Amino acid sequence: MTVRVMLISPALNAALREARFDGDAPLDVSGVRRARAAAAAVPAADRRVHGPDERCTGTAEALGLRSDPEPALRGWDLGRWSGQRLAEVSRDEPGAVSAWLSEPSAAPHGGESLLDLHARMGGWLDSLHREGADGGSVLAVAEPAVVRATVVHALGLPPQTFWRLDVAPLTLTELSGRSGRWNLRCGRPLGTGTDETTALHRR
């Protein structure tokens, strides 16, 4: 039977506005407002989960979801870079950043490599297919990096494709699968709470 997996990316917070490696920062006031405005557009699901970090938890609450934290959906562990600005790390550790961007197995920050992230999300996605032998749907609020890694695994894409995927805030990415074969529908804005995102998609 087909399993439907719906991934909602969380609303913006100050860390993303400042181009920082996420760390574990909550939503700001604007992010909460936009998530609440999008709540009516959230699709129904048999099961609802969210990443355990503050941004996903806050987005799930603002969307009015009764969802459970899912440890497998935690954000990408970027070790000692967490909370730092990308520009600062690129200035101080240019060789490390270059290796991180070009070699999927590299983890110069001491956290997860890109391959580690892909393996984690692939394991989670495959487990849903095994659990959903009779069909069903799962709705998950997950960090953009988590969504991108899940899509790469689902479609059997090369790991480096991760860097060419964009996941805008408060958008819905849908995967539907049967016998381990997944189809993708990506980037649908949620309701009226994503006017900036909607404008970008109209260009």
N, C-alpha and C. Protein backbone atom coordinates (compact mmCIF):
# COMPACT_ATOMS: atom_id res chain seq x y z
N MET A 1 0.84 -1.20 0.00
CA MET A 1 0.00 0.00 0.00
C MET A 1 0.87 1.26 0.00
N THR A 2 0.32 2.33 -0.52
CA THR A 2 1.05 3.59 -0.59
C THR A 2 1.11 4.27 0.76
N VAL A 3 2.29 4.75 1.11
CA VAL A 3 2.50 5.54 2.31
C VAL A 3 2.73 6.99 1.89
N ARG A 4 2.04 7.90 2.51
CA ARG A 4 2.18 9.33 2.19
C ARG A 4 2.92 10.02 3.33
N VAL A 5 4.01 10.71 3.00
CA VAL A 5 4.81 11.42 3.98
C VAL A 5 4.81 12.90 3.61
N MET A 6 4.30 13.73 4.53
CA MET A 6 4.19 15.17 4.29
C MET A 6 5.13 15.90 5.23
N LEU A 7 6.08 16.63 4.67
CA LEU A 7 7.11 17.31 5.45
C LEU A 7 6.90 18.82 5.38
N ILE A 8 6.69 19.45 6.53
CA ILE A 8 6.53 20.90 6.60
C ILE A 8 7.81 21.50 7.16
N SER A 9 8.39 22.44 6.45
CA SER A 9 9.57 23.13 6.96
C SER A 9 9.13 24.21 7.95
N PRO A 10 9.87 24.44 9.02
CA PRO A 10 9.45 25.39 10.05
C PRO A 10 9.55 26.84 9.60
N ALA A 11 8.92 27.70 10.38
CA ALA A 11 8.97 29.14 10.11
C ALA A 11 10.36 29.69 10.41
N LEU A 12 10.62 30.89 9.95
CA LEU A 12 11.91 31.53 10.17
C LEU A 12 12.14 31.85 11.63
N ASN A 13 13.42 31.91 12.00
CA ASN A 13 13.80 32.47 13.29
C ASN A 13 14.99 33.40 13.07
N ALA A 14 15.47 34.02 14.13
CA ALA A 14 16.55 35.00 14.00
C ALA A 14 17.82 34.36 13.45
N ALA A 15 18.10 33.11 13.82
CA ALA A 15 19.32 32.46 13.36
C ALA A 15 19.35 32.34 11.84
N LEU A 16 18.22 31.97 11.25
CA LEU A 16 18.18 31.84 9.79
C LEU A 16 18.24 33.20 9.11
N ARG A 17 17.60 34.19 9.71
CA ARG A 17 17.66 35.54 9.13
C ARG A 17 19.09 36.07 9.11
N GLU A 18 19.91 35.63 10.06
CA GLU A 18 21.28 36.09 10.17
C GLU A 18 22.27 35.14 9.51
N ALA A 19 21.76 34.13 8.77
CA ALA A 19 22.59 33.14 8.08
C ALA A 19 23.54 32.44 9.06
N ARG A 20 22.97 32.01 10.18
CA ARG A 20 23.73 31.24 11.16
C ARG A 20 23.42 29.75 10.99
N PHE A 21 24.40 28.91 11.35
CA PHE A 21 24.12 27.50 11.48
C PHE A 21 23.11 27.37 12.62
N ASP A 22 22.04 26.64 12.38
CA ASP A 22 20.85 26.72 13.21
C ASP A 22 21.06 26.64 14.71
N GLY A 23 21.84 25.67 15.20
CA GLY A 23 21.85 25.47 16.63
C GLY A 23 20.45 25.02 17.06
N ASP A 24 19.99 25.48 18.19
CA ASP A 24 18.66 25.12 18.67
C ASP A 24 17.97 26.38 19.17
N ALA A 25 17.53 27.21 18.23
CA ALA A 25 16.94 28.51 18.56
C ALA A 25 15.44 28.50 18.30
N PRO A 26 14.66 29.19 19.13
CA PRO A 26 13.20 29.22 18.96
C PRO A 26 12.78 30.14 17.82
N LEU A 27 11.50 30.10 17.49
CA LEU A 27 10.94 31.03 16.51
C LEU A 27 10.97 32.45 17.08
N ASP A 28 11.03 33.42 16.17
CA ASP A 28 10.83 34.80 16.61
C ASP A 28 9.36 35.15 16.44
N VAL A 29 9.00 36.37 16.80
CA VAL A 29 7.59 36.79 16.78
C VAL A 29 7.01 36.68 15.37
N SER A 30 7.78 37.09 14.38
CA SER A 30 7.29 37.03 13.00
C SER A 30 7.06 35.59 12.57
N GLY A 31 7.96 34.69 12.96
CA GLY A 31 7.80 33.28 12.60
C GLY A 31 6.55 32.68 13.20
N VAL A 32 6.28 33.01 14.47
CA VAL A 32 5.06 32.51 15.12
C VAL A 32 3.83 33.03 14.39
N ARG A 33 3.83 34.30 14.05
CA ARG A 33 2.67 34.90 13.38
C ARG A 33 2.41 34.24 12.03
N ARG A 34 3.45 34.00 11.27
CA ARG A 34 3.28 33.39 9.95
C ARG A 34 2.81 31.94 10.06
N ALA A 35 3.32 31.23 11.05
CA ALA A 35 2.89 29.85 11.23
C ALA A 35 1.42 29.79 11.63
N ARG A 36 1.00 30.66 12.51
CA ARG A 36 -0.40 30.68 12.92
C ARG A 36 -1.32 31.01 11.75
N ALA A 37 -0.86 31.90 10.87
CA ALA A 37 -1.66 32.27 9.70
C ALA A 37 -1.79 31.12 8.71
N ALA A 38 -0.83 30.18 8.75
CA ALA A 38 -0.85 29.06 7.81
C ALA A 38 -1.56 27.83 8.37
N ALA A 39 -2.00 27.89 9.62
CA ALA A 39 -2.52 26.70 10.29
C ALA A 39 -3.69 26.05 9.57
N ALA A 40 -4.56 26.87 8.99
CA ALA A 40 -5.75 26.31 8.34
C ALA A 40 -5.42 25.49 7.10
N ALA A 41 -4.23 25.65 6.56
CA ALA A 41 -3.86 24.95 5.33
C ALA A 41 -3.11 23.64 5.58
N VAL A 42 -2.89 23.29 6.84
CA VAL A 42 -2.17 22.06 7.15
C VAL A 42 -3.04 20.85 6.81
N PRO A 43 -2.53 19.92 6.03
CA PRO A 43 -3.34 18.75 5.64
C PRO A 43 -3.54 17.77 6.79
N ALA A 44 -4.58 16.98 6.69
CA ALA A 44 -4.86 15.94 7.68
C ALA A 44 -3.87 14.80 7.52
N ALA A 45 -3.64 14.07 8.60
CA ALA A 45 -2.72 12.93 8.57
C ALA A 45 -3.10 11.94 9.65
N ASP A 46 -2.71 10.69 9.44
CA ASP A 46 -2.96 9.65 10.44
C ASP A 46 -2.05 9.81 11.65
N ARG A 47 -0.85 10.32 11.40
CA ARG A 47 0.13 10.49 12.47
C ARG A 47 0.85 11.80 12.28
N ARG A 48 1.12 12.52 13.39
CA ARG A 48 1.79 13.82 13.33
C ARG A 48 3.01 13.80 14.26
N VAL A 49 4.15 14.24 13.72
CA VAL A 49 5.38 14.29 14.51
C VAL A 49 6.11 15.59 14.18
N HIS A 50 7.10 15.93 15.01
CA HIS A 50 7.93 17.10 14.73
C HIS A 50 9.35 16.86 15.23
N GLY A 51 10.29 17.55 14.62
CA GLY A 51 11.66 17.49 15.10
C GLY A 51 11.73 18.01 16.52
N PRO A 52 12.67 17.51 17.34
CA PRO A 52 12.70 17.88 18.75
C PRO A 52 13.31 19.25 19.04
N ASP A 53 13.88 19.91 18.04
CA ASP A 53 14.48 21.21 18.28
C ASP A 53 13.41 22.28 18.50
N GLU A 54 13.82 23.43 19.02
CA GLU A 54 12.87 24.47 19.41
C GLU A 54 12.11 25.05 18.22
N ARG A 55 12.77 25.20 17.08
CA ARG A 55 12.11 25.82 15.94
C ARG A 55 10.99 24.94 15.40
N CYS A 56 11.25 23.64 15.31
CA CYS A 56 10.20 22.73 14.84
C CYS A 56 9.09 22.58 15.88
N THR A 57 9.46 22.50 17.15
CA THR A 57 8.46 22.40 18.20
C THR A 57 7.57 23.62 18.22
N GLY A 58 8.17 24.81 18.11
CA GLY A 58 7.40 26.04 18.10
C GLY A 58 6.51 26.17 16.89
N THR A 59 6.99 25.71 15.73
CA THR A 59 6.18 25.76 14.52
C THR A 59 4.99 24.82 14.64
N ALA A 60 5.22 23.62 15.14
CA ALA A 60 4.13 22.66 15.32
C ALA A 60 3.06 23.23 16.25
N GLU A 61 3.49 23.87 17.32
CA GLU A 61 2.53 24.47 18.26
C GLU A 61 1.76 25.61 17.60
N ALA A 62 2.47 26.47 16.86
CA ALA A 62 1.81 27.60 16.21
C ALA A 62 0.85 27.15 15.12
N LEU A 63 1.13 26.01 14.49
CA LEU A 63 0.24 25.46 13.47
C LEU A 63 -0.96 24.73 14.10
N GLY A 64 -0.94 24.60 15.42
CA GLY A 64 -2.04 23.94 16.11
C GLY A 64 -2.01 22.43 16.02
N LEU A 65 -0.82 21.86 15.76
CA LEU A 65 -0.72 20.41 15.62
C LEU A 65 -0.60 19.73 16.98
N ARG A 66 -1.27 18.64 17.13
CA ARG A 66 -1.05 17.76 18.26
C ARG A 66 -0.08 16.68 17.80
N SER A 67 1.18 16.98 17.92
CA SER A 67 2.20 16.10 17.35
C SER A 67 3.19 15.67 18.42
N ASP A 68 3.89 14.59 18.13
CA ASP A 68 4.87 14.04 19.06
C ASP A 68 6.28 14.34 18.56
N PRO A 69 7.22 14.61 19.47
CA PRO A 69 8.61 14.77 19.02
C PRO A 69 9.17 13.47 18.49
N GLU A 70 9.92 13.58 17.41
CA GLU A 70 10.53 12.40 16.78
C GLU A 70 12.04 12.60 16.76
N PRO A 71 12.79 11.86 17.59
CA PRO A 71 14.25 12.06 17.67
C PRO A 71 14.96 11.95 16.32
N ALA A 72 14.48 11.09 15.44
CA ALA A 72 15.15 10.91 14.14
C ALA A 72 15.08 12.17 13.29
N LEU A 73 14.16 13.09 13.60
CA LEU A 73 13.99 14.32 12.82
C LEU A 73 14.78 15.50 13.39
N ARG A 74 15.68 15.21 14.31
CA ARG A 74 16.50 16.31 14.86
C ARG A 74 17.29 16.98 13.74
N GLY A 75 17.62 18.25 13.94
CA GLY A 75 18.36 18.99 12.93
C GLY A 75 19.75 18.42 12.69
N TRP A 76 20.37 18.84 11.60
CA TRP A 76 21.71 18.39 11.24
C TRP A 76 22.68 18.83 12.33
N ASP A 77 23.40 17.89 12.90
CA ASP A 77 24.38 18.19 13.95
C ASP A 77 25.65 18.74 13.29
N LEU A 78 25.86 20.04 13.46
CA LEU A 78 27.03 20.69 12.87
C LEU A 78 28.08 21.02 13.92
N GLY A 79 28.06 20.29 15.01
CA GLY A 79 29.11 20.36 16.00
C GLY A 79 29.41 21.76 16.50
N ARG A 80 30.69 22.10 16.51
CA ARG A 80 31.11 23.38 17.07
C ARG A 80 30.73 24.58 16.19
N TRP A 81 30.25 24.33 14.98
CA TRP A 81 29.80 25.44 14.15
C TRP A 81 28.39 25.92 14.53
N SER A 82 27.67 25.14 15.28
CA SER A 82 26.28 25.49 15.61
C SER A 82 26.22 26.87 16.28
N GLY A 83 25.31 27.70 15.77
CA GLY A 83 25.13 29.04 16.30
C GLY A 83 26.02 30.09 15.68
N GLN A 84 27.04 29.68 14.92
CA GLN A 84 27.93 30.65 14.29
C GLN A 84 27.40 31.08 12.93
N ARG A 85 27.81 32.26 12.50
CA ARG A 85 27.45 32.73 11.17
C ARG A 85 28.29 31.99 10.12
N LEU A 86 27.65 31.68 9.00
CA LEU A 86 28.36 31.03 7.90
C LEU A 86 29.53 31.88 7.44
N ALA A 87 29.32 33.20 7.36
CA ALA A 87 30.39 34.09 6.88
C ALA A 87 31.59 34.05 7.82
N GLU A 88 31.34 33.95 9.12
CA GLU A 88 32.43 33.91 10.09
C GLU A 88 33.22 32.62 9.98
N VAL A 89 32.52 31.51 9.87
CA VAL A 89 33.20 30.23 9.75
C VAL A 89 33.98 30.16 8.44
N SER A 90 33.40 30.67 7.36
CA SER A 90 34.09 30.67 6.06
C SER A 90 35.36 31.50 6.12
N ARG A 91 35.33 32.59 6.88
CA ARG A 91 36.52 33.44 7.02
C ARG A 91 37.59 32.77 7.87
N ASP A 92 37.18 32.13 8.97
CA ASP A 92 38.14 31.56 9.92
C ASP A 92 38.62 30.17 9.53
N GLU A 93 37.77 29.40 8.83
CA GLU A 93 38.12 28.02 8.47
C GLU A 93 37.78 27.73 7.01
N PRO A 94 38.36 28.46 6.07
CA PRO A 94 37.98 28.28 4.66
C PRO A 94 38.22 26.87 4.15
N GLY A 95 39.31 26.24 4.56
CA GLY A 95 39.58 24.88 4.10
C GLY A 95 38.56 23.88 4.63
N ALA A 96 38.16 24.06 5.88
CA ALA A 96 37.18 23.16 6.48
C ALA A 96 35.82 23.31 5.80
N VAL A 97 35.43 24.55 5.53
CA VAL A 97 34.14 24.79 4.86
C VAL A 97 34.16 24.22 3.45
N SER A 98 35.29 24.38 2.75
CA SER A 98 35.41 23.84 1.40
C SER A 98 35.27 22.32 1.41
N ALA A 99 35.91 21.67 2.37
CA ALA A 99 35.82 20.21 2.47
C ALA A 99 34.38 19.79 2.79
N TRP A 100 33.73 20.50 3.68
CA TRP A 100 32.36 20.20 4.07
C TRP A 100 31.41 20.29 2.87
N LEU A 101 31.62 21.29 2.02
CA LEU A 101 30.75 21.50 0.87
C LEU A 101 31.04 20.55 -0.29
N SER A 102 32.24 20.02 -0.35
CA SER A 102 32.63 19.23 -1.52
C SER A 102 32.72 17.72 -1.26
N GLU A 103 32.88 17.32 0.00
CA GLU A 103 33.07 15.91 0.32
C GLU A 103 31.97 15.44 1.27
N PRO A 104 31.03 14.62 0.80
CA PRO A 104 29.90 14.20 1.63
C PRO A 104 30.28 13.49 2.92
N SER A 105 31.48 12.91 2.99
CA SER A 105 31.88 12.19 4.19
C SER A 105 32.60 13.07 5.20
N ALA A 106 32.85 14.34 4.85
CA ALA A 106 33.62 15.24 5.72
C ALA A 106 32.75 15.81 6.84
N ALA A 107 33.34 15.90 8.03
CA ALA A 107 32.65 16.52 9.17
C ALA A 107 33.67 17.32 9.98
N PRO A 108 34.25 18.36 9.39
CA PRO A 108 35.30 19.12 10.07
C PRO A 108 34.81 19.83 11.32
N HIS A 109 33.51 19.98 11.46
CA HIS A 109 32.91 20.65 12.64
C HIS A 109 32.77 19.71 13.83
N GLY A 110 33.00 18.40 13.61
CA GLY A 110 32.89 17.45 14.69
C GLY A 110 31.50 16.87 14.88
N GLY A 111 30.55 17.22 14.01
CA GLY A 111 29.20 16.68 14.09
C GLY A 111 28.97 15.62 13.04
N GLU A 112 27.79 15.65 12.42
CA GLU A 112 27.44 14.66 11.40
C GLU A 112 27.95 15.09 10.02
N SER A 113 28.45 14.14 9.26
CA SER A 113 28.74 14.41 7.86
C SER A 113 27.43 14.40 7.08
N LEU A 114 27.50 14.84 5.83
CA LEU A 114 26.32 14.79 4.98
C LEU A 114 25.85 13.36 4.78
N LEU A 115 26.79 12.43 4.64
CA LEU A 115 26.41 11.02 4.50
C LEU A 115 25.73 10.49 5.75
N ASP A 116 26.20 10.94 6.91
CA ASP A 116 25.55 10.55 8.16
C ASP A 116 24.10 11.02 8.19
N LEU A 117 23.89 12.27 7.79
CA LEU A 117 22.54 12.84 7.77
C LEU A 117 21.65 12.06 6.81
N HIS A 118 22.16 11.76 5.62
CA HIS A 118 21.38 11.00 4.65
C HIS A 118 21.02 9.62 5.19
N ALA A 119 21.97 8.97 5.85
CA ALA A 119 21.71 7.63 6.38
C ALA A 119 20.64 7.69 7.47
N ARG A 120 20.70 8.70 8.30
CA ARG A 120 19.70 8.83 9.37
C ARG A 120 18.31 9.03 8.80
N MET A 121 18.18 9.94 7.83
CA MET A 121 16.87 10.22 7.27
C MET A 121 16.38 9.08 6.39
N GLY A 122 17.30 8.39 5.72
CA GLY A 122 16.90 7.22 4.94
C GLY A 122 16.35 6.12 5.83
N GLY A 123 16.99 5.93 6.98
CA GLY A 123 16.50 4.93 7.92
C GLY A 123 15.12 5.25 8.43
N TRP A 124 14.88 6.55 8.72
CA TRP A 124 13.55 6.96 9.20
C TRP A 124 12.49 6.75 8.12
N LEU A 125 12.80 7.17 6.90
CA LEU A 125 11.83 7.05 5.81
C LEU A 125 11.52 5.58 5.52
N ASP A 126 12.53 4.76 5.48
CA ASP A 126 12.32 3.34 5.21
C ASP A 126 11.51 2.68 6.32
N SER A 127 11.70 3.13 7.56
CA SER A 127 10.93 2.56 8.66
C SER A 127 9.46 2.88 8.53
N LEU A 128 9.13 4.06 7.99
CA LEU A 128 7.73 4.42 7.78
C LEU A 128 7.08 3.50 6.77
N HIS A 129 7.84 3.14 5.75
CA HIS A 129 7.28 2.25 4.74
C HIS A 129 7.03 0.86 5.32
N ARG A 130 7.93 0.40 6.16
CA ARG A 130 7.72 -0.91 6.80
C ARG A 130 6.52 -0.87 7.75
N GLU A 131 6.42 0.23 8.53
CA GLU A 131 5.31 0.36 9.48
C GLU A 131 3.99 0.55 8.78
N GLY A 132 4.03 1.16 7.57
CA GLY A 132 2.81 1.50 6.85
C GLY A 132 2.43 0.50 5.79
N ALA A 133 2.62 -0.77 6.07
CA ALA A 133 2.34 -1.80 5.08
C ALA A 133 0.88 -1.76 4.61
N ASP A 134 0.00 -1.24 5.46
CA ASP A 134 -1.42 -1.15 5.08
C ASP A 134 -1.80 0.26 4.61
N GLY A 135 -0.80 1.09 4.31
CA GLY A 135 -1.07 2.44 3.87
C GLY A 135 -1.17 3.39 5.05
N GLY A 136 -1.31 4.67 4.77
CA GLY A 136 -1.42 5.66 5.83
C GLY A 136 -0.65 6.91 5.49
N SER A 137 -0.71 7.89 6.37
CA SER A 137 -0.05 9.17 6.12
C SER A 137 0.62 9.67 7.39
N VAL A 138 1.76 10.34 7.20
CA VAL A 138 2.53 10.92 8.30
C VAL A 138 2.80 12.38 7.95
N LEU A 139 2.53 13.26 8.90
CA LEU A 139 2.84 14.68 8.75
C LEU A 139 3.95 15.02 9.72
N ALA A 140 5.02 15.64 9.23
CA ALA A 140 6.17 15.93 10.08
C ALA A 140 6.65 17.36 9.86
N VAL A 141 6.91 18.08 10.94
CA VAL A 141 7.56 19.38 10.87
C VAL A 141 9.05 19.12 11.05
N ALA A 142 9.84 19.45 10.04
CA ALA A 142 11.26 19.08 10.04
C ALA A 142 12.10 20.19 9.43
N GLU A 143 13.33 20.31 9.94
CA GLU A 143 14.26 21.32 9.46
C GLU A 143 14.53 21.17 7.96
N PRO A 144 14.82 22.26 7.26
CA PRO A 144 15.09 22.18 5.82
C PRO A 144 16.15 21.16 5.45
N ALA A 145 17.24 21.08 6.21
CA ALA A 145 18.29 20.10 5.88
C ALA A 145 17.76 18.68 5.99
N VAL A 146 16.88 18.45 6.96
CA VAL A 146 16.27 17.13 7.13
C VAL A 146 15.37 16.81 5.94
N VAL A 147 14.59 17.78 5.50
CA VAL A 147 13.72 17.58 4.33
C VAL A 147 14.55 17.29 3.09
N ARG A 148 15.61 18.05 2.89
CA ARG A 148 16.45 17.87 1.70
C ARG A 148 17.10 16.48 1.70
N ALA A 149 17.62 16.05 2.85
CA ALA A 149 18.26 14.74 2.92
C ALA A 149 17.24 13.62 2.70
N THR A 150 16.02 13.81 3.18
CA THR A 150 14.99 12.80 2.98
C THR A 150 14.63 12.67 1.51
N VAL A 151 14.53 13.79 0.82
CA VAL A 151 14.23 13.77 -0.61
C VAL A 151 15.36 13.10 -1.39
N VAL A 152 16.60 13.42 -1.06
CA VAL A 152 17.74 12.81 -1.75
C VAL A 152 17.69 11.30 -1.61
N HIS A 153 17.41 10.81 -0.41
CA HIS A 153 17.32 9.36 -0.20
C HIS A 153 16.15 8.77 -0.97
N ALA A 154 14.99 9.41 -0.86
CA ALA A 154 13.78 8.86 -1.47
C ALA A 154 13.93 8.68 -2.97
N LEU A 155 14.58 9.63 -3.63
CA LEU A 155 14.71 9.59 -5.08
C LEU A 155 15.99 8.92 -5.55
N GLY A 156 16.82 8.45 -4.62
CA GLY A 156 18.06 7.80 -5.00
C GLY A 156 19.03 8.72 -5.70
N LEU A 157 19.08 9.98 -5.28
CA LEU A 157 19.94 10.97 -5.93
C LEU A 157 21.36 10.93 -5.36
N PRO A 158 22.35 11.41 -6.09
CA PRO A 158 23.70 11.51 -5.55
C PRO A 158 23.71 12.43 -4.33
N PRO A 159 24.53 12.14 -3.32
CA PRO A 159 24.55 12.96 -2.10
C PRO A 159 24.74 14.45 -2.36
N GLN A 160 25.57 14.81 -3.34
CA GLN A 160 25.85 16.22 -3.60
C GLN A 160 24.63 16.99 -4.10
N THR A 161 23.61 16.27 -4.55
CA THR A 161 22.37 16.95 -4.97
C THR A 161 21.76 17.74 -3.82
N PHE A 162 22.03 17.32 -2.60
CA PHE A 162 21.54 18.01 -1.41
C PHE A 162 21.76 19.52 -1.50
N TRP A 163 22.94 19.93 -1.97
CA TRP A 163 23.30 21.35 -2.00
C TRP A 163 22.54 22.13 -3.07
N ARG A 164 21.84 21.44 -3.96
CA ARG A 164 21.13 22.11 -5.04
C ARG A 164 19.62 22.15 -4.80
N LEU A 165 19.20 21.70 -3.63
CA LEU A 165 17.79 21.73 -3.27
C LEU A 165 17.53 22.87 -2.30
N ASP A 166 16.48 23.61 -2.54
CA ASP A 166 16.06 24.69 -1.63
C ASP A 166 14.72 24.33 -1.02
N VAL A 167 14.60 24.53 0.28
CA VAL A 167 13.35 24.31 0.99
C VAL A 167 13.00 25.60 1.72
N ALA A 168 11.99 26.29 1.24
CA ALA A 168 11.60 27.57 1.82
C ALA A 168 10.82 27.35 3.12
N PRO A 169 10.80 28.36 4.00
CA PRO A 169 10.04 28.23 5.25
C PRO A 169 8.56 28.01 5.00
N LEU A 170 7.95 27.19 5.85
CA LEU A 170 6.51 26.93 5.81
C LEU A 170 6.04 26.47 4.43
N THR A 171 6.77 25.53 3.86
CA THR A 171 6.33 24.89 2.63
C THR A 171 6.16 23.40 2.87
N LEU A 172 5.36 22.80 2.03
CA LEU A 172 5.02 21.38 2.18
C LEU A 172 5.69 20.57 1.08
N THR A 173 6.45 19.56 1.47
CA THR A 173 7.06 18.61 0.55
C THR A 173 6.42 17.25 0.79
N GLU A 174 5.90 16.64 -0.28
CA GLU A 174 5.16 15.39 -0.14
C GLU A 174 5.86 14.26 -0.87
N LEU A 175 5.96 13.13 -0.18
CA LEU A 175 6.48 11.90 -0.77
C LEU A 175 5.40 10.83 -0.64
N SER A 176 5.20 10.09 -1.70
CA SER A 176 4.28 8.95 -1.63
C SER A 176 5.02 7.75 -2.18
N GLY A 177 4.92 6.62 -1.46
CA GLY A 177 5.72 5.47 -1.84
C GLY A 177 4.97 4.16 -1.79
N ARG A 178 5.41 3.26 -2.62
CA ARG A 178 4.88 1.91 -2.66
C ARG A 178 6.05 0.97 -2.95
N SER A 179 6.25 0.01 -2.06
CA SER A 179 7.35 -0.96 -2.21
C SER A 179 8.71 -0.28 -2.35
N GLY A 180 8.93 0.76 -1.57
CA GLY A 180 10.24 1.41 -1.56
C GLY A 180 10.47 2.40 -2.69
N ARG A 181 9.49 2.62 -3.55
CA ARG A 181 9.61 3.58 -4.65
C ARG A 181 8.81 4.83 -4.28
N TRP A 182 9.50 5.98 -4.29
CA TRP A 182 8.88 7.20 -3.83
C TRP A 182 8.69 8.21 -4.96
N ASN A 183 7.58 8.91 -4.93
CA ASN A 183 7.32 10.02 -5.84
C ASN A 183 7.31 11.31 -5.02
N LEU A 184 7.65 12.41 -5.67
CA LEU A 184 7.86 13.68 -4.97
C LEU A 184 6.93 14.77 -5.48
N ARG A 185 6.39 15.53 -4.53
CA ARG A 185 5.71 16.79 -4.82
C ARG A 185 6.26 17.80 -3.83
N CYS A 186 6.90 18.86 -4.30
CA CYS A 186 7.64 19.71 -3.37
C CYS A 186 7.28 21.19 -3.49
N GLY A 187 7.54 21.89 -2.37
CA GLY A 187 7.53 23.35 -2.35
C GLY A 187 6.20 24.04 -2.35
N ARG A 188 5.11 23.38 -1.91
CA ARG A 188 3.82 24.06 -1.90
C ARG A 188 3.71 24.94 -0.65
N PRO A 189 3.50 26.26 -0.81
CA PRO A 189 3.37 27.13 0.36
C PRO A 189 2.12 26.78 1.16
N LEU A 190 2.20 26.97 2.47
CA LEU A 190 1.06 26.74 3.34
C LEU A 190 0.26 28.02 3.52
N GLY A 191 -0.92 28.08 2.95
CA GLY A 191 -1.86 29.16 3.22
C GLY A 191 -1.34 30.54 2.91
N THR A 192 -1.86 31.52 3.65
CA THR A 192 -1.53 32.93 3.44
C THR A 192 -0.41 33.41 4.34
N GLY A 193 0.13 32.50 5.16
CA GLY A 193 1.17 32.91 6.09
C GLY A 193 2.54 32.94 5.46
N THR A 194 2.64 32.71 4.16
CA THR A 194 3.93 32.62 3.50
C THR A 194 3.98 33.54 2.29
N ASP A 195 3.58 34.78 2.47
CA ASP A 195 3.48 35.67 1.31
C ASP A 195 4.82 35.90 0.66
N GLU A 196 5.91 35.96 1.42
CA GLU A 196 7.22 36.12 0.83
C GLU A 196 7.58 34.91 -0.03
N THR A 197 7.32 33.72 0.49
CA THR A 197 7.60 32.50 -0.26
C THR A 197 6.76 32.42 -1.52
N THR A 198 5.47 32.75 -1.40
CA THR A 198 4.57 32.70 -2.55
C THR A 198 5.07 33.62 -3.64
N ALA A 199 5.53 34.83 -3.27
CA ALA A 199 6.03 35.77 -4.26
C ALA A 199 7.23 35.19 -5.00
N LEU A 200 8.10 34.50 -4.27
CA LEU A 200 9.28 33.91 -4.91
C LEU A 200 8.85 32.83 -5.91
N HIS A 201 7.86 32.04 -5.55
CA HIS A 201 7.43 30.96 -6.44
C HIS A 201 6.72 31.49 -7.69
N ARG A 202 6.24 32.72 -7.65
CA ARG A 202 5.56 33.29 -8.82
C ARG A 202 6.54 33.86 -9.83
N ARG A 203 7.81 34.01 -9.46
CA ARG A 203 8.79 34.62 -10.37
C ARG A 203 9.22 33.62 -11.44
